[in-house]
Amino acid sequence: MVLADLEPIGAVEVLGARHVTADAARRATGLAGVPVFRASAADARSALLRISAVRDARVELELPTSARIVLSEREAVGRWTVGAVEWFVDGEGVLFASSDPTAAPALRVRDERAPTREAGERVEAPLVAAALRLAKVAPGELRADATAPAVRVEPGADGIVLETGGGWEVRFGGPERIEEKLALVVRFLRDEPSRRLEYVDVRSTEHIVFCPDRTLTCPE
């Protein structure tokens, strides 16, 4: 064994970091200060994969005293709020935190099905896709009084709900056939530009329900 074998790793280069800071990646691996011949690239990679924002990682050890970390981070498709915490969410429904608050689109969904969630938890991917599709609805797009659209996910049958800011909402139920449901709402509201509403229900694409109407008493 030569003396260089005992010298600790000093330089740890980090590539691909945005959600995870370079320092956090270095700390997670524990490579700094460990001689190269005693370090484990596999263990370091496993430690990185335990970070919720990391989708994949590669760790390279280089003689005499350096290492390189290459991160493949999750791509945020929106923001998923649970309780007081706003998570980023990727297309697979994985919730994760980010060191960069600007690194996700400004598409927000409020999930009311649980009081808290943990980093790394998965939300159903079809639900994420459908809810974020509705989060793209712009003010005034549905009707003139739909001035502040916002999406929430409720427990139970109402499922995905689009609040309008106009004192009424649209209940979509599950994520299936979301484009068809949205088109149904658009057609209905085009024909009813000024009708007083409390809700429009398109959980079934076969039968649209709205309240109030002449045959339905709105629940309290």
Protein backbone atom coordinates (compact mmCIF):
# COMPACT_ATOMS: atom_id res chain seq x y z
CA MET A 1 0.00 0.00 0.00
CA VAL A 2 1.41 3.37 -0.99
CA LEU A 3 0.94 6.57 0.95
CA ALA A 4 -1.40 7.99 -1.72
CA ASP A 5 -3.84 5.16 -0.99
CA LEU A 6 -4.34 6.56 2.50
CA GLU A 7 -4.93 10.15 1.47
CA PRO A 8 -8.59 11.14 1.87
CA ILE A 9 -10.90 12.20 -0.93
CA GLY A 10 -10.84 15.97 -1.05
CA ALA A 11 -12.54 17.16 -4.23
CA VAL A 12 -16.08 15.86 -4.86
CA GLU A 13 -17.50 17.30 -8.07
CA VAL A 14 -21.30 17.41 -8.34
CA LEU A 15 -23.07 17.65 -11.69
CA GLY A 16 -26.78 17.95 -12.44
CA ALA A 17 -27.81 19.50 -9.12
CA ARG A 18 -30.71 21.92 -8.95
CA HIS A 19 -33.33 20.58 -6.55
CA VAL A 20 -30.53 19.16 -4.40
CA THR A 21 -27.65 21.44 -3.46
CA ALA A 22 -24.15 20.25 -4.25
CA ASP A 23 -23.26 20.36 -0.56
CA ALA A 24 -26.28 18.21 0.34
CA ALA A 25 -25.25 15.64 -2.27
CA ARG A 26 -21.71 15.56 -0.92
CA ARG A 27 -22.93 15.15 2.65
CA ALA A 28 -25.30 12.35 1.69
CA THR A 29 -22.52 10.26 0.16
CA GLY A 30 -20.05 10.77 2.99
CA LEU A 31 -17.19 10.47 0.49
CA ALA A 32 -15.19 13.51 1.56
CA GLY A 33 -12.39 12.56 3.91
CA VAL A 34 -12.50 8.83 3.07
CA PRO A 35 -9.57 7.23 1.21
CA VAL A 36 -10.56 6.18 -2.31
CA PHE A 37 -9.73 2.51 -1.72
CA ARG A 38 -12.11 2.44 1.27
CA ALA A 39 -14.95 4.35 -0.42
CA SER A 40 -17.91 2.58 -2.03
CA ALA A 41 -19.47 4.10 -5.12
CA ALA A 42 -22.44 1.73 -4.75
CA ASP A 43 -23.12 2.81 -1.16
CA ALA A 44 -22.78 6.46 -2.13
CA ARG A 45 -25.27 5.99 -4.97
CA SER A 46 -27.73 4.26 -2.65
CA ALA A 47 -27.52 7.19 -0.25
CA LEU A 48 -28.27 9.64 -3.06
CA LEU A 49 -31.28 7.63 -4.21
CA ARG A 50 -32.80 8.06 -0.75
CA ILE A 51 -33.15 11.77 -1.52
CA SER A 52 -36.67 12.21 -2.89
CA ALA A 53 -35.64 14.69 -5.60
CA VAL A 54 -33.08 12.28 -7.08
CA ARG A 55 -34.39 9.92 -9.75
CA ASP A 56 -31.01 8.34 -10.50
CA ALA A 57 -27.35 8.95 -9.76
CA ARG A 58 -23.89 7.87 -10.80
CA VAL A 59 -20.83 8.02 -8.56
CA GLU A 60 -17.30 7.82 -9.93
CA LEU A 61 -14.18 7.43 -7.78
CA GLU A 62 -10.95 8.72 -9.28
CA LEU A 63 -7.40 8.15 -8.11
CA PRO A 64 -5.74 9.54 -6.25
CA THR A 65 -8.18 11.64 -4.17
CA SER A 66 -11.26 12.80 -6.07
CA ALA A 67 -14.83 11.74 -6.83
CA ARG A 68 -17.62 12.80 -9.15
CA ILE A 69 -21.37 12.69 -8.52
CA VAL A 70 -23.72 12.91 -11.50
CA LEU A 71 -27.36 13.46 -10.54
CA SER A 72 -30.46 12.82 -12.62
CA GLU A 73 -33.11 14.74 -10.74
CA ARG A 74 -36.86 14.49 -10.97
CA GLU A 75 -38.58 16.92 -13.31
CA ALA A 76 -41.25 18.92 -11.54
CA VAL A 77 -44.53 19.19 -13.46
CA GLY A 78 -46.36 21.19 -10.79
CA ARG A 79 -46.83 21.99 -7.12
CA TRP A 80 -48.85 19.79 -4.76
CA THR A 81 -49.99 21.41 -1.52
CA VAL A 82 -50.82 19.25 1.50
CA GLY A 83 -51.61 21.07 4.72
CA ALA A 84 -49.10 23.88 5.08
CA VAL A 85 -46.47 22.26 2.84
CA GLU A 86 -46.10 22.84 -0.88
CA TRP A 87 -44.31 19.92 -2.51
CA PHE A 88 -43.04 19.64 -6.04
CA VAL A 89 -44.50 16.68 -7.93
CA ASP A 90 -43.19 14.85 -10.99
CA GLY A 91 -45.07 13.03 -13.73
CA GLU A 92 -44.90 9.77 -11.78
CA GLY A 93 -46.64 11.41 -8.82
CA VAL A 94 -43.57 11.50 -6.56
CA LEU A 95 -43.58 14.36 -4.04
CA PHE A 96 -40.25 16.02 -3.33
CA ALA A 97 -38.68 19.15 -1.93
CA SER A 98 -36.37 21.46 -3.83
CA SER A 99 -33.70 23.95 -2.90
CA ASP A 100 -34.86 26.09 -5.84
CA PRO A 101 -38.37 27.52 -5.34
CA THR A 102 -38.53 28.54 -9.01
CA ALA A 103 -37.83 25.04 -10.36
CA ALA A 104 -41.47 24.01 -10.92
CA PRO A 105 -44.29 25.39 -13.07
CA ALA A 106 -46.76 27.65 -11.29
CA LEU A 107 -49.49 24.99 -11.49
CA ARG A 108 -50.90 24.30 -8.03
CA VAL A 109 -53.21 21.66 -6.63
CA ARG A 110 -54.42 21.47 -3.02
CA ASP A 111 -54.81 17.90 -1.80
CA GLU A 112 -57.30 17.67 1.08
CA ARG A 113 -57.34 13.89 1.38
CA ALA A 114 -54.68 13.75 4.10
CA PRO A 115 -53.36 16.29 6.63
CA THR A 116 -49.71 15.58 5.77
CA ARG A 117 -47.53 13.81 3.23
CA GLU A 118 -43.88 12.80 3.33
CA ALA A 119 -41.15 13.42 0.78
CA GLY A 120 -40.96 10.48 -1.60
CA GLU A 121 -44.63 9.55 -1.28
CA ARG A 122 -46.47 8.89 -4.51
CA VAL A 123 -49.76 10.38 -5.59
CA GLU A 124 -51.63 8.51 -8.32
CA ALA A 125 -50.05 9.63 -11.59
CA PRO A 126 -53.37 9.85 -13.52
CA LEU A 127 -54.76 12.04 -10.74
CA VAL A 128 -51.72 14.33 -10.91
CA ALA A 129 -52.04 14.65 -14.69
CA ALA A 130 -55.77 15.41 -14.56
CA ALA A 131 -55.56 17.89 -11.68
CA LEU A 132 -52.66 19.76 -13.26
CA ARG A 133 -54.55 19.90 -16.55
CA LEU A 134 -57.33 21.73 -14.75
CA ALA A 135 -54.78 23.96 -13.03
CA LYS A 136 -53.99 25.34 -16.49
CA VAL A 137 -57.49 26.81 -16.82
CA ALA A 138 -57.01 30.57 -16.99
CA PRO A 139 -59.13 33.26 -15.32
CA GLY A 140 -62.21 33.95 -17.43
CA GLU A 141 -61.64 30.92 -19.64
CA LEU A 142 -64.73 29.04 -18.49
CA ARG A 143 -66.97 32.03 -17.94
CA ALA A 144 -66.57 35.72 -17.19
CA ASP A 145 -67.19 35.23 -13.47
CA ALA A 146 -64.62 32.40 -13.17
CA THR A 147 -61.99 34.91 -12.16
CA ALA A 148 -59.78 32.88 -9.81
CA PRO A 149 -59.66 29.20 -10.78
CA ALA A 150 -58.03 26.87 -8.27
CA VAL A 151 -57.92 23.09 -8.04
CA ARG A 152 -58.40 20.94 -4.98
CA VAL A 153 -58.67 17.18 -4.49
CA GLU A 154 -61.28 16.04 -2.00
CA PRO A 155 -61.81 12.67 -0.36
CA GLY A 156 -64.92 10.89 -1.52
CA ALA A 157 -66.96 11.10 -4.67
CA ASP A 158 -66.38 14.76 -5.59
CA GLY A 159 -62.72 13.99 -6.25
CA ILE A 160 -61.10 16.72 -8.33
CA VAL A 161 -62.86 20.06 -7.89
CA LEU A 162 -62.22 23.24 -9.83
CA GLU A 163 -63.07 26.31 -7.79
CA THR A 164 -63.85 29.32 -9.94
CA GLY A 165 -63.66 32.29 -7.61
CA GLY A 166 -67.18 33.19 -8.70
CA GLY A 167 -69.02 31.45 -5.86
CA TRP A 168 -69.47 28.20 -7.78
CA GLU A 169 -67.34 25.18 -8.60
CA VAL A 170 -67.03 22.27 -11.01
CA ARG A 171 -66.87 18.71 -9.67
CA PHE A 172 -64.99 16.29 -11.90
CA GLY A 173 -64.78 13.17 -9.74
CA GLY A 174 -61.98 10.85 -10.86
CA PRO A 175 -59.21 11.61 -13.36
CA GLU A 176 -60.61 9.46 -16.14
CA ARG A 177 -61.74 11.19 -19.37
CA ILE A 178 -60.74 14.59 -17.99
CA GLU A 179 -60.59 16.30 -21.39
CA GLU A 180 -64.05 15.03 -22.26
CA LYS A 181 -65.41 16.26 -18.93
CA LEU A 182 -63.80 19.67 -19.37
CA ALA A 183 -65.21 20.00 -22.89
CA LEU A 184 -68.66 19.17 -21.51
CA VAL A 185 -68.33 21.94 -18.93
CA VAL A 186 -67.18 24.43 -21.55
CA ARG A 187 -70.18 23.66 -23.78
CA PHE A 188 -72.61 23.93 -20.88
CA LEU A 189 -71.22 27.26 -19.68
CA ARG A 190 -71.15 28.66 -23.20
CA ASP A 191 -74.91 28.12 -23.29
CA GLU A 192 -75.37 29.45 -19.74
CA PRO A 193 -73.15 32.54 -19.51
CA SER A 194 -75.13 34.19 -16.71
CA ARG A 195 -77.02 31.41 -14.92
CA ARG A 196 -76.61 31.50 -11.14
CA LEU A 197 -74.73 28.40 -10.07
CA GLU A 198 -73.44 26.71 -6.95
CA TYR A 199 -71.85 23.81 -8.76
CA VAL A 200 -71.63 21.94 -12.03
CA ASP A 201 -71.11 18.18 -11.70
CA VAL A 202 -69.53 16.25 -14.57
CA ARG A 203 -68.44 13.17 -12.67
CA SER A 204 -70.36 11.26 -15.31
CA THR A 205 -69.95 12.32 -18.92
CA GLU A 206 -73.35 10.77 -19.61
CA HIS A 207 -75.28 13.12 -17.35
CA ILE A 208 -74.32 16.66 -16.36
CA VAL A 209 -75.80 17.95 -13.10
CA PHE A 210 -75.89 21.58 -12.06
CA CYS A 211 -77.36 23.38 -9.11
CA PRO A 212 -79.57 25.24 -8.72
CA ASP A 213 -81.95 24.13 -11.43
CA ARG A 214 -85.70 23.71 -11.48
CA THR A 215 -85.63 20.05 -10.40
CA LEU A 216 -82.78 19.96 -7.90
CA THR A 217 -82.50 21.50 -4.45
CA CYS A 218 -78.91 22.37 -3.63
CA PRO A 219 -77.65 20.77 -0.41
CA GLU A 220 -76.71 23.03 2.45
